[in-house]
PDB file of all heavy atoms in Angstrom:
ATOM      1  N   PRO A   1      -6.611  15.118   5.208  1.00  0.00           N
ATOM      2  CA  PRO A   1      -7.245  14.190   6.159  1.00  0.00           C
ATOM      3  C   PRO A   1      -7.239  12.738   5.696  1.00  0.00           C
ATOM      4  O   PRO A   1      -7.461  11.832   6.501  1.00  0.00           O
ATOM      5  CB  PRO A   1      -8.685  14.725   6.252  1.00  0.00           C
ATOM      6  CG  PRO A   1      -8.610  16.139   5.797  1.00  0.00           C
ATOM      7  CD  PRO A   1      -7.548  16.152   4.750  1.00  0.00           C
ATOM      8  N   LYS A   2      -6.987  12.523   4.420  1.00  0.00           N
ATOM      9  CA  LYS A   2      -6.997  11.168   3.875  1.00  0.00           C
ATOM     10  C   LYS A   2      -5.587  10.588   3.725  1.00  0.00           C
ATOM     11  O   LYS A   2      -5.406   9.552   3.092  1.00  0.00           O
ATOM     12  CB  LYS A   2      -7.712  11.152   2.518  1.00  0.00           C
ATOM     13  CG  LYS A   2      -9.214  11.427   2.610  1.00  0.00           C
ATOM     14  CD  LYS A   2      -9.846  11.403   1.239  1.00  0.00           C
ATOM     15  CE  LYS A   2     -11.355  11.509   1.336  1.00  0.00           C
ATOM     16  NZ  LYS A   2     -11.953  10.277   1.912  1.00  0.00           N
ATOM     17  N   ILE A   3      -4.601  11.279   4.291  1.00  0.00           N
ATOM     18  CA  ILE A   3      -3.223  10.789   4.232  1.00  0.00           C
ATOM     19  C   ILE A   3      -2.846  10.128   5.552  1.00  0.00           C
ATOM     20  O   ILE A   3      -3.039  10.705   6.627  1.00  0.00           O
ATOM     21  CB  ILE A   3      -2.230  11.932   3.949  1.00  0.00           C
ATOM     22  CG1 ILE A   3      -2.579  12.652   2.645  1.00  0.00           C
ATOM     23  CG2 ILE A   3      -0.807  11.378   3.864  1.00  0.00           C
ATOM     24  CD1 ILE A   3      -1.684  13.846   2.346  1.00  0.00           C
ATOM     25  N   SER A   4      -2.320   8.928   5.477  1.00  0.00           N
ATOM     26  CA  SER A   4      -1.774   8.246   6.657  1.00  0.00           C
ATOM     27  C   SER A   4      -0.270   8.506   6.654  1.00  0.00           C
ATOM     28  O   SER A   4       0.475   7.910   5.856  1.00  0.00           O
ATOM     29  CB  SER A   4      -2.052   6.746   6.582  1.00  0.00           C
ATOM     30  OG  SER A   4      -3.442   6.480   6.645  1.00  0.00           O
ATOM     31  N   PHE A   5       0.175   9.422   7.508  1.00  0.00           N
ATOM     32  CA  PHE A   5       1.590   9.777   7.575  1.00  0.00           C
ATOM     33  C   PHE A   5       2.370   8.746   8.394  1.00  0.00           C
ATOM     34  O   PHE A   5       1.797   7.981   9.170  1.00  0.00           O
ATOM     35  CB  PHE A   5       1.762  11.168   8.196  1.00  0.00           C
ATOM     36  CG  PHE A   5       1.187  12.279   7.349  1.00  0.00           C
ATOM     37  CD1 PHE A   5       0.050  12.981   7.765  1.00  0.00           C
ATOM     38  CD2 PHE A   5       1.775  12.617   6.139  1.00  0.00           C
ATOM     39  CE1 PHE A   5      -0.474  14.002   6.983  1.00  0.00           C
ATOM     40  CE2 PHE A   5       1.259  13.635   5.350  1.00  0.00           C
ATOM     41  CZ  PHE A   5       0.129  14.331   5.775  1.00  0.00           C
ATOM     42  N   ASP A   6       3.680   8.745   8.219  1.00  0.00           N
ATOM     43  CA  ASP A   6       4.556   7.803   8.926  1.00  0.00           C
ATOM     44  C   ASP A   6       4.089   6.366   8.740  1.00  0.00           C
ATOM     45  O   ASP A   6       4.149   5.547   9.665  1.00  0.00           O
ATOM     46  CB  ASP A   6       4.614   8.149  10.423  1.00  0.00           C
ATOM     47  CG  ASP A   6       5.160   9.548  10.664  1.00  0.00           C
ATOM     48  OD1 ASP A   6       6.231   9.855  10.117  1.00  0.00           O
ATOM     49  OD2 ASP A   6       4.506  10.334  11.386  1.00  0.00           O
ATOM     50  N   THR A   7       3.614   6.082   7.536  1.00  0.00           N
ATOM     51  CA  THR A   7       3.084   4.759   7.226  1.00  0.00           C
ATOM     52  C   THR A   7       3.742   4.242   5.950  1.00  0.00           C
ATOM     53  O   THR A   7       3.490   4.761   4.863  1.00  0.00           O
ATOM     54  CB  THR A   7       1.553   4.810   7.035  1.00  0.00           C
ATOM     55  OG1 THR A   7       0.945   5.367   8.213  1.00  0.00           O
ATOM     56  CG2 THR A   7       0.981   3.429   6.782  1.00  0.00           C
ATOM     57  N   GLU A   8       4.594   3.246   6.084  1.00  0.00           N
ATOM     58  CA  GLU A   8       5.334   2.738   4.933  1.00  0.00           C
ATOM     59  C   GLU A   8       4.743   1.434   4.409  1.00  0.00           C
ATOM     60  O   GLU A   8       4.533   0.482   5.155  1.00  0.00           O
ATOM     61  CB  GLU A   8       6.804   2.516   5.299  1.00  0.00           C
ATOM     62  CG  GLU A   8       7.644   2.048   4.120  1.00  0.00           C
ATOM     63  CD  GLU A   8       9.120   1.964   4.435  1.00  0.00           C
ATOM     64  OE1 GLU A   8       9.481   2.072   5.625  1.00  0.00           O
ATOM     65  OE2 GLU A   8       9.911   1.782   3.487  1.00  0.00           O
ATOM     66  N   VAL A   9       4.467   1.415   3.111  1.00  0.00           N
ATOM     67  CA  VAL A   9       4.006   0.196   2.443  1.00  0.00           C
ATOM     68  C   VAL A   9       5.240  -0.602   2.044  1.00  0.00           C
ATOM     69  O   VAL A   9       6.131  -0.092   1.371  1.00  0.00           O
ATOM     70  CB  VAL A   9       3.170   0.529   1.190  1.00  0.00           C
ATOM     71  CG1 VAL A   9       2.758  -0.755   0.467  1.00  0.00           C
ATOM     72  CG2 VAL A   9       1.936   1.337   1.568  1.00  0.00           C
ATOM     73  N   THR A  10       5.300  -1.854   2.466  1.00  0.00           N
ATOM     74  CA  THR A  10       6.475  -2.680   2.178  1.00  0.00           C
ATOM     75  C   THR A  10       6.209  -3.726   1.098  1.00  0.00           C
ATOM     76  O   THR A  10       7.164  -4.275   0.532  1.00  0.00           O
ATOM     77  CB  THR A  10       6.954  -3.398   3.452  1.00  0.00           C
ATOM     78  OG1 THR A  10       5.862  -4.163   4.003  1.00  0.00           O
ATOM     79  CG2 THR A  10       7.441  -2.394   4.491  1.00  0.00           C
ATOM     80  N   ALA A  11       4.935  -3.988   0.796  1.00  0.00           N
ATOM     81  CA  ALA A  11       4.626  -4.971  -0.247  1.00  0.00           C
ATOM     82  C   ALA A  11       3.209  -4.743  -0.752  1.00  0.00           C
ATOM     83  O   ALA A  11       2.346  -4.247  -0.031  1.00  0.00           O
ATOM     84  CB  ALA A  11       4.770  -6.394   0.291  1.00  0.00           C
ATOM     85  N   ALA A  12       2.997  -5.107  -2.020  1.00  0.00           N
ATOM     86  CA  ALA A  12       1.671  -5.041  -2.624  1.00  0.00           C
ATOM     87  C   ALA A  12       1.487  -6.260  -3.503  1.00  0.00           C
ATOM     88  O   ALA A  12       2.361  -6.575  -4.324  1.00  0.00           O
ATOM     89  CB  ALA A  12       1.510  -3.760  -3.443  1.00  0.00           C
ATOM     90  N   ALA A  13       0.379  -6.950  -3.332  1.00  0.00           N
ATOM     91  CA  ALA A  13       0.119  -8.164  -4.115  1.00  0.00           C
ATOM     92  C   ALA A  13      -1.323  -8.151  -4.607  1.00  0.00           C
ATOM     93  O   ALA A  13      -2.236  -7.746  -3.870  1.00  0.00           O
ATOM     94  CB  ALA A  13       0.389  -9.407  -3.272  1.00  0.00           C
ATOM     95  N   PHE A  14      -1.514  -8.576  -5.846  1.00  0.00           N
ATOM     96  CA  PHE A  14      -2.859  -8.644  -6.416  1.00  0.00           C
ATOM     97  C   PHE A  14      -3.409 -10.038  -6.131  1.00  0.00           C
ATOM     98  O   PHE A  14      -2.970 -11.036  -6.708  1.00  0.00           O
ATOM     99  CB  PHE A  14      -2.798  -8.377  -7.921  1.00  0.00           C
ATOM    100  CG  PHE A  14      -4.133  -8.071  -8.534  1.00  0.00           C
ATOM    101  CD1 PHE A  14      -4.879  -6.976  -8.114  1.00  0.00           C
ATOM    102  CD2 PHE A  14      -4.649  -8.872  -9.537  1.00  0.00           C
ATOM    103  CE1 PHE A  14      -6.104  -6.681  -8.674  1.00  0.00           C
ATOM    104  CE2 PHE A  14      -5.881  -8.586 -10.112  1.00  0.00           C
ATOM    105  CZ  PHE A  14      -6.606  -7.492  -9.678  1.00  0.00           C
ATOM    106  N   VAL A  15      -4.351 -10.122  -5.195  1.00  0.00           N
ATOM    107  CA  VAL A  15      -4.866 -11.402  -4.716  1.00  0.00           C
ATOM    108  C   VAL A  15      -6.384 -11.451  -4.886  1.00  0.00           C
ATOM    109  O   VAL A  15      -7.112 -10.601  -4.343  1.00  0.00           O
ATOM    110  CB  VAL A  15      -4.502 -11.626  -3.231  1.00  0.00           C
ATOM    111  CG1 VAL A  15      -5.032 -12.967  -2.759  1.00  0.00           C
ATOM    112  CG2 VAL A  15      -3.002 -11.530  -3.028  1.00  0.00           C
ATOM    113  N   ASP A  16      -6.862 -12.402  -5.651  1.00  0.00           N
ATOM    114  CA  ASP A  16      -8.295 -12.607  -5.849  1.00  0.00           C
ATOM    115  C   ASP A  16      -9.003 -11.328  -6.293  1.00  0.00           C
ATOM    116  O   ASP A  16     -10.086 -10.971  -5.792  1.00  0.00           O
ATOM    117  CB  ASP A  16      -8.950 -13.141  -4.558  1.00  0.00           C
ATOM    118  CG  ASP A  16      -8.404 -14.508  -4.159  1.00  0.00           C
ATOM    119  OD1 ASP A  16      -8.041 -15.285  -5.069  1.00  0.00           O
ATOM    120  OD2 ASP A  16      -8.320 -14.784  -2.948  1.00  0.00           O
ATOM    121  N   GLY A  17      -8.387 -10.625  -7.207  1.00  0.00           N
ATOM    122  CA  GLY A  17      -9.035  -9.454  -7.792  1.00  0.00           C
ATOM    123  C   GLY A  17      -8.919  -8.167  -6.996  1.00  0.00           C
ATOM    124  O   GLY A  17      -9.521  -7.148  -7.376  1.00  0.00           O
ATOM    125  N   ARG A  18      -8.146  -8.189  -5.909  1.00  0.00           N
ATOM    126  CA  ARG A  18      -7.964  -6.975  -5.102  1.00  0.00           C
ATOM    127  C   ARG A  18      -6.487  -6.806  -4.755  1.00  0.00           C
ATOM    128  O   ARG A  18      -5.710  -7.759  -4.789  1.00  0.00           O
ATOM    129  CB  ARG A  18      -8.791  -7.042  -3.811  1.00  0.00           C
ATOM    130  CG  ARG A  18     -10.274  -7.274  -4.017  1.00  0.00           C
ATOM    131  CD  ARG A  18     -11.036  -6.991  -2.743  1.00  0.00           C
ATOM    132  NE  ARG A  18     -11.193  -5.555  -2.537  1.00  0.00           N
ATOM    133  CZ  ARG A  18     -11.325  -4.979  -1.344  1.00  0.00           C
ATOM    134  NH1 ARG A  18     -11.257  -5.706  -0.239  1.00  0.00           N
ATOM    135  NH2 ARG A  18     -11.488  -3.690  -1.246  1.00  0.00           N
ATOM    136  N   TRP A  19      -6.125  -5.568  -4.417  1.00  0.00           N
ATOM    137  CA  TRP A  19      -4.753  -5.280  -4.018  1.00  0.00           C
ATOM    138  C   TRP A  19      -4.616  -5.400  -2.507  1.00  0.00           C
ATOM    139  O   TRP A  19      -5.347  -4.755  -1.754  1.00  0.00           O
ATOM    140  CB  TRP A  19      -4.343  -3.878  -4.464  1.00  0.00           C
ATOM    141  CG  TRP A  19      -4.045  -3.812  -5.926  1.00  0.00           C
ATOM    142  CD1 TRP A  19      -4.866  -3.402  -6.920  1.00  0.00           C
ATOM    143  CD2 TRP A  19      -2.816  -4.207  -6.539  1.00  0.00           C
ATOM    144  NE1 TRP A  19      -4.241  -3.504  -8.136  1.00  0.00           N
ATOM    145  CE2 TRP A  19      -2.969  -3.992  -7.931  1.00  0.00           C
ATOM    146  CE3 TRP A  19      -1.604  -4.707  -6.067  1.00  0.00           C
ATOM    147  CZ2 TRP A  19      -1.964  -4.271  -8.840  1.00  0.00           C
ATOM    148  CZ3 TRP A  19      -0.598  -4.979  -6.976  1.00  0.00           C
ATOM    149  CH2 TRP A  19      -0.778  -4.770  -8.347  1.00  0.00           C
ATOM    150  N   ARG A  20      -3.679  -6.228  -2.096  1.00  0.00           N
ATOM    151  CA  ARG A  20      -3.396  -6.418  -0.670  1.00  0.00           C
ATOM    152  C   ARG A  20      -2.074  -5.729  -0.341  1.00  0.00           C
ATOM    153  O   ARG A  20      -1.030  -6.093  -0.860  1.00  0.00           O
ATOM    154  CB  ARG A  20      -3.320  -7.896  -0.324  1.00  0.00           C
ATOM    155  CG  ARG A  20      -3.020  -8.183   1.149  1.00  0.00           C
ATOM    156  CD  ARG A  20      -2.985  -9.675   1.403  1.00  0.00           C
ATOM    157  NE  ARG A  20      -4.274 -10.296   1.119  1.00  0.00           N
ATOM    158  CZ  ARG A  20      -4.462 -11.612   0.986  1.00  0.00           C
ATOM    159  NH1 ARG A  20      -3.429 -12.435   1.089  1.00  0.00           N
ATOM    160  NH2 ARG A  20      -5.669 -12.101   0.737  1.00  0.00           N
ATOM    161  N   LEU A  21      -2.161  -4.725   0.528  1.00  0.00           N
ATOM    162  CA  LEU A  21      -0.963  -3.987   0.926  1.00  0.00           C
ATOM    163  C   LEU A  21      -0.482  -4.458   2.287  1.00  0.00           C
ATOM    164  O   LEU A  21      -1.287  -4.676   3.200  1.00  0.00           O
ATOM    165  CB  LEU A  21      -1.259  -2.479   0.994  1.00  0.00           C
ATOM    166  CG  LEU A  21      -1.793  -1.800  -0.264  1.00  0.00           C
ATOM    167  CD1 LEU A  21      -1.851  -0.296  -0.054  1.00  0.00           C
ATOM    168  CD2 LEU A  21      -0.960  -2.142  -1.478  1.00  0.00           C
ATOM    169  N   THR A  22       0.823  -4.587   2.399  1.00  0.00           N
ATOM    170  CA  THR A  22       1.443  -4.931   3.675  1.00  0.00           C
ATOM    171  C   THR A  22       2.264  -3.734   4.127  1.00  0.00           C
ATOM    172  O   THR A  22       2.974  -3.115   3.322  1.00  0.00           O
ATOM    173  CB  THR A  22       2.351  -6.163   3.543  1.00  0.00           C
ATOM    174  OG1 THR A  22       1.577  -7.267   3.048  1.00  0.00           O
ATOM    175  CG2 THR A  22       2.955  -6.534   4.894  1.00  0.00           C
ATOM    176  N   PHE A  23       2.164  -3.406   5.411  1.00  0.00           N
ATOM    177  CA  PHE A  23       2.832  -2.224   5.948  1.00  0.00           C
ATOM    178  C   PHE A  23       3.996  -2.622   6.859  1.00  0.00           C
ATOM    179  O   PHE A  23       4.092  -3.765   7.309  1.00  0.00           O
ATOM    180  CB  PHE A  23       1.827  -1.360   6.700  1.00  0.00           C
ATOM    181  CG  PHE A  23       0.702  -0.884   5.830  1.00  0.00           C
ATOM    182  CD1 PHE A  23      -0.439  -1.658   5.655  1.00  0.00           C
ATOM    183  CD2 PHE A  23       0.790   0.330   5.161  1.00  0.00           C
ATOM    184  CE1 PHE A  23      -1.474  -1.242   4.836  1.00  0.00           C
ATOM    185  CE2 PHE A  23      -0.239   0.760   4.338  1.00  0.00           C
ATOM    186  CZ  PHE A  23      -1.366  -0.022   4.167  1.00  0.00           C
ATOM    187  N   ALA A  24       4.853  -1.654   7.127  1.00  0.00           N
ATOM    188  CA  ALA A  24       6.051  -1.918   7.918  1.00  0.00           C
ATOM    189  C   ALA A  24       5.728  -2.460   9.311  1.00  0.00           C
ATOM    190  O   ALA A  24       6.523  -3.188   9.895  1.00  0.00           O
ATOM    191  CB  ALA A  24       6.893  -0.646   8.023  1.00  0.00           C
ATOM    192  N   ASP A  25       4.573  -2.086   9.846  1.00  0.00           N
ATOM    193  CA  ASP A  25       4.202  -2.561  11.189  1.00  0.00           C
ATOM    194  C   ASP A  25       3.516  -3.921  11.161  1.00  0.00           C
ATOM    195  O   ASP A  25       3.066  -4.414  12.195  1.00  0.00           O
ATOM    196  CB  ASP A  25       3.309  -1.532  11.885  1.00  0.00           C
ATOM    197  CG  ASP A  25       1.977  -1.313  11.169  1.00  0.00           C
ATOM    198  OD1 ASP A  25       1.741  -1.961  10.120  1.00  0.00           O
ATOM    199  OD2 ASP A  25       1.172  -0.502  11.657  1.00  0.00           O
ATOM    200  N   GLY A  26       3.413  -4.526   9.953  1.00  0.00           N
ATOM    201  CA  GLY A  26       2.802  -5.845   9.834  1.00  0.00           C
ATOM    202  C   GLY A  26       1.332  -5.820   9.474  1.00  0.00           C
ATOM    203  O   GLY A  26       0.750  -6.868   9.157  1.00  0.00           O
ATOM    204  N   ASP A  27       0.713  -4.655   9.520  1.00  0.00           N
ATOM    205  CA  ASP A  27      -0.702  -4.533   9.180  1.00  0.00           C
ATOM    206  C   ASP A  27      -0.915  -4.819   7.704  1.00  0.00           C
ATOM    207  O   ASP A  27      -0.013  -4.634   6.877  1.00  0.00           O
ATOM    208  CB  ASP A  27      -1.195  -3.126   9.522  1.00  0.00           C
ATOM    209  CG  ASP A  27      -2.699  -2.978   9.322  1.00  0.00           C
ATOM    210  OD1 ASP A  27      -3.423  -3.983   9.487  1.00  0.00           O
ATOM    211  OD2 ASP A  27      -3.142  -1.868   8.996  1.00  0.00           O
ATOM    212  N   ARG A  28      -2.142  -5.241   7.357  1.00  0.00           N
ATOM    213  CA  ARG A  28      -2.513  -5.479   5.959  1.00  0.00           C
ATOM    214  C   ARG A  28      -3.875  -4.851   5.681  1.00  0.00           C
ATOM    215  O   ARG A  28      -4.762  -4.874   6.537  1.00  0.00           O
ATOM    216  CB  ARG A  28      -2.573  -6.979   5.643  1.00  0.00           C
ATOM    217  CG  ARG A  28      -1.223  -7.663   5.568  1.00  0.00           C
ATOM    218  CD  ARG A  28      -1.374  -9.110   5.137  1.00  0.00           C
ATOM    219  NE  ARG A  28      -0.077  -9.753   4.969  1.00  0.00           N
ATOM    220  CZ  ARG A  28       0.072 -11.025   4.586  1.00  0.00           C
ATOM    221  NH1 ARG A  28      -1.009 -11.768   4.350  1.00  0.00           N
ATOM    222  NH2 ARG A  28       1.275 -11.537   4.450  1.00  0.00           N
ATOM    223  N   GLN A  29      -4.016  -4.295   4.491  1.00  0.00           N
ATOM    224  CA  GLN A  29      -5.291  -3.728   4.061  1.00  0.00           C
ATOM    225  C   GLN A  29      -5.499  -4.062   2.596  1.00  0.00           C
ATOM    226  O   GLN A  29      -4.533  -4.235   1.845  1.00  0.00           O
ATOM    227  CB  GLN A  29      -5.310  -2.207   4.255  1.00  0.00           C
ATOM    228  CG  GLN A  29      -5.200  -1.747   5.697  1.00  0.00           C
ATOM    229  CD  GLN A  29      -5.315  -0.248   5.830  1.00  0.00           C
ATOM    230  OE1 GLN A  29      -6.098   0.415   5.148  1.00  0.00           O
ATOM    231  NE2 GLN A  29      -4.513   0.317   6.723  1.00  0.00           N
ATOM    232  N   GLU A  30      -6.779  -4.135   2.175  1.00  0.00           N
ATOM    233  CA  GLU A  30      -7.089  -4.464   0.789  1.00  0.00           C
ATOM    234  C   GLU A  30      -7.873  -3.340   0.116  1.00  0.00           C
ATOM    235  O   GLU A  30      -8.692  -2.668   0.746  1.00  0.00           O
ATOM    236  CB  GLU A  30      -7.873  -5.775   0.711  1.00  0.00           C
ATOM    237  CG  GLU A  30      -7.052  -6.995   1.112  1.00  0.00           C
ATOM    238  CD  GLU A  30      -7.767  -8.301   0.793  1.00  0.00           C
ATOM    239  OE1 GLU A  30      -8.934  -8.259   0.331  1.00  0.00           O
ATOM    240  OE2 GLU A  30      -7.158  -9.374   1.000  1.00  0.00           O
ATOM    241  N   PHE A  31      -7.597  -3.169  -1.179  1.00  0.00           N
ATOM    242  CA  PHE A  31      -8.243  -2.117  -1.968  1.00  0.00           C
ATOM    243  C   PHE A  31      -8.567  -2.649  -3.355  1.00  0.00           C
ATOM    244  O   PHE A  31      -7.955  -3.605  -3.835  1.00  0.00           O
ATOM    245  CB  PHE A  31      -7.314  -0.903  -2.096  1.00  0.00           C
ATOM    246  CG  PHE A  31      -6.991  -0.237  -0.789  1.00  0.00           C
ATOM    247  CD1 PHE A  31      -5.961  -0.716   0.013  1.00  0.00           C
ATOM    248  CD2 PHE A  31      -7.723   0.853  -0.353  1.00  0.00           C
ATOM    249  CE1 PHE A  31      -5.664  -0.106   1.224  1.00  0.00           C
ATOM    250  CE2 PHE A  31      -7.436   1.467   0.860  1.00  0.00           C
ATOM    251  CZ  PHE A  31      -6.407   0.982   1.655  1.00  0.00           C
ATOM    252  N   ASP A  32      -9.520  -1.976  -4.011  1.00  0.00           N
ATOM    253  CA  ASP A  32      -9.882  -2.379  -5.363  1.00  0.00           C
ATOM    254  C   ASP A  32      -8.848  -1.924  -6.387  1.00  0.00           C
ATOM    255  O   ASP A  32      -8.637  -2.593  -7.408  1.00  0.00           O
ATOM    256  CB  ASP A  32     -11.251  -1.778  -5.746  1.00  0.00           C
ATOM    257  CG  ASP A  32     -12.373  -2.310  -4.869  1.00  0.00           C
ATOM    258  OD1 ASP A  32     -12.422  -3.531  -4.658  1.00  0.00           O
ATOM    259  OD2 ASP A  32     -13.180  -1.494  -4.382  1.00  0.00           O
ATOM    260  N   ALA A  33      -8.237  -0.800  -6.140  1.00  0.00           N
ATOM    261  CA  ALA A  33      -7.254  -0.253  -7.092  1.00  0.00           C
ATOM    262  C   ALA A  33      -6.051   0.297  -6.344  1.00  0.00           C
ATOM    263  O   ALA A  33      -6.146   0.688  -5.184  1.00  0.00           O
ATOM    264  CB  ALA A  33      -7.897   0.843  -7.936  1.00  0.00           C
ATOM    265  N   LEU A  34      -4.918   0.316  -7.034  1.00  0.00           N
ATOM    266  CA  LEU A  34      -3.671   0.803  -6.442  1.00  0.00           C
ATOM    267  C   LEU A  34      -2.996   1.785  -7.389  1.00  0.00           C
ATOM    268  O   LEU A  34      -2.856   1.515  -8.584  1.00  0.00           O
ATOM    269  CB  LEU A  34      -2.721  -0.369  -6.170  1.00  0.00           C
ATOM    270  CG  LEU A  34      -1.286  -0.027  -5.754  1.00  0.00           C
ATOM    271  CD1 LEU A  34      -1.272   0.693  -4.412  1.00  0.00           C
ATOM    272  CD2 LEU A  34      -0.429  -1.288  -5.699  1.00  0.00           C
ATOM    273  N   ILE A  35      -2.597   2.935  -6.854  1.00  0.00           N
ATOM    274  CA  ILE A  35      -1.820   3.914  -7.603  1.00  0.00           C
ATOM    275  C   ILE A  35      -0.481   4.057  -6.889  1.00  0.00           C
ATOM    276  O   ILE A  35      -0.431   4.485  -5.733  1.00  0.00           O
ATOM    277  CB  ILE A  35      -2.530   5.277  -7.681  1.00  0.00           C
ATOM    278  CG1 ILE A  35      -3.868   5.135  -8.412  1.00  0.00           C
ATOM    279  CG2 ILE A  35      -1.645   6.305  -8.381  1.00  0.00           C
ATOM    280  CD1 ILE A  35      -4.714   6.395  -8.411  1.00  0.00           C
ATOM    281  N   CYS A  36       0.584   3.686  -7.572  1.00  0.00           N
ATOM    282  CA  CYS A  36       1.916   3.760  -6.985  1.00  0.00           C
ATOM    283  C   CYS A  36       2.579   5.058  -7.429  1.00  0.00           C
ATOM    284  O   CYS A  36       2.914   5.224  -8.600  1.00  0.00           O
ATOM    285  CB  CYS A  36       2.743   2.553  -7.419  1.00  0.00           C
ATOM    286  SG  CYS A  36       4.319   2.421  -6.576  1.00  0.00           S
ATOM    287  N   ALA A  37       2.734   5.990  -6.500  1.00  0.00           N
ATOM    288  CA  ALA A  37       3.319   7.297  -6.800  1.00  0.00           C
ATOM    289  C   ALA A  37       4.534   7.535  -5.909  1.00  0.00           C
ATOM    290  O   ALA A  37       4.687   8.586  -5.294  1.00  0.00           O
ATOM    291  CB  ALA A  37       2.280   8.396  -6.599  1.00  0.00           C
ATOM    292  N   THR A  38       5.396   6.531  -5.853  1.00  0.00           N
ATOM    293  CA  THR A  38       6.562   6.608  -4.974  1.00  0.00           C
ATOM    294  C   THR A  38       7.680   7.463  -5.561  1.00  0.00           C
ATOM    295  O   THR A  38       8.582   7.884  -4.845  1.00  0.00           O
ATOM    296  CB  THR A  38       7.125   5.200  -4.697  1.00  0.00           C
ATOM    297  OG1 THR A  38       7.356   4.534  -5.946  1.00  0.00           O
ATOM    298  CG2 THR A  38       6.121   4.377  -3.898  1.00  0.00           C
ATOM    299  N   GLY A  39       7.659   7.723  -6.860  1.00  0.00           N
ATOM    300  CA  GLY A  39       8.680   8.559  -7.467  1.00  0.00           C
ATOM    301  C   GLY A  39       9.994   7.819  -7.668  1.00  0.00           C
ATOM    302  O   GLY A  39      10.194   6.704  -7.184  1.00  0.00           O
ATOM    303  N   GLN A  40      10.896   8.468  -8.390  1.00  0.00           N
ATOM    304  CA  GLN A  40      12.179   7.844  -8.695  1.00  0.00           C
ATOM    305  C   GLN A  40      13.258   8.176  -7.665  1.00  0.00           C
ATOM    306  O   GLN A  40      14.339   7.598  -7.694  1.00  0.00           O
ATOM    307  CB  GLN A  40      12.653   8.313 -10.073  1.00  0.00           C
ATOM    308  CG  GLN A  40      11.708   7.960 -11.197  1.00  0.00           C
ATOM    309  CD  GLN A  40      12.216   8.434 -12.544  1.00  0.00           C
ATOM    310  OE1 GLN A  40      13.416   8.430 -12.792  1.00  0.00           O
ATOM    311  NE2 GLN A  40      11.328   8.842 -13.411  1.00  0.00           N
ATOM    312  N   LEU A  41      12.990   9.135  -6.802  1.00  0.00           N
ATOM    313  CA  LEU A  41      14.026   9.593  -5.877  1.00  0.00           C
ATOM    314  C   LEU A  41      13.649   9.318  -4.421  1.00  0.00           C
ATOM    315  O   LEU A  41      14.043  10.034  -3.520  1.00  0.00           O
ATOM    316  CB  LEU A  41      14.267  11.101  -6.078  1.00  0.00           C
ATOM    317  CG  LEU A  41      14.616  11.522  -7.504  1.00  0.00           C
ATOM    318  CD1 LEU A  41      14.699  13.037  -7.606  1.00  0.00           C
ATOM    319  CD2 LEU A  41      15.926  10.889  -7.941  1.00  0.00           C
ATOM    320  N   SER A  42      12.864   8.264  -4.214  1.00  0.00           N
ATOM    321  CA  SER A  42      12.361   8.013  -2.864  1.00  0.00           C
ATOM    322  C   SER A  42      13.315   7.213  -1.990  1.00  0.00           C
ATOM    323  O   SER A  42      13.141   7.161  -0.777  1.00  0.00           O
ATOM    324  CB  SER A  42      11.011   7.278  -2.937  1.00  0.00           C
ATOM    325  OG  SER A  42      11.173   6.022  -3.587  1.00  0.00           O
TER     326      SER A  42
END
């Protein structure tokens, strides 16, 4: 239930102490921490 499917992150930037994610549809969201688990074969 906590997975957003068909949702691609296109950029991540650390801005003012938080992670700002940009998505393929242009949306942006901010988080305190980021775990990148994209793998080597993505």
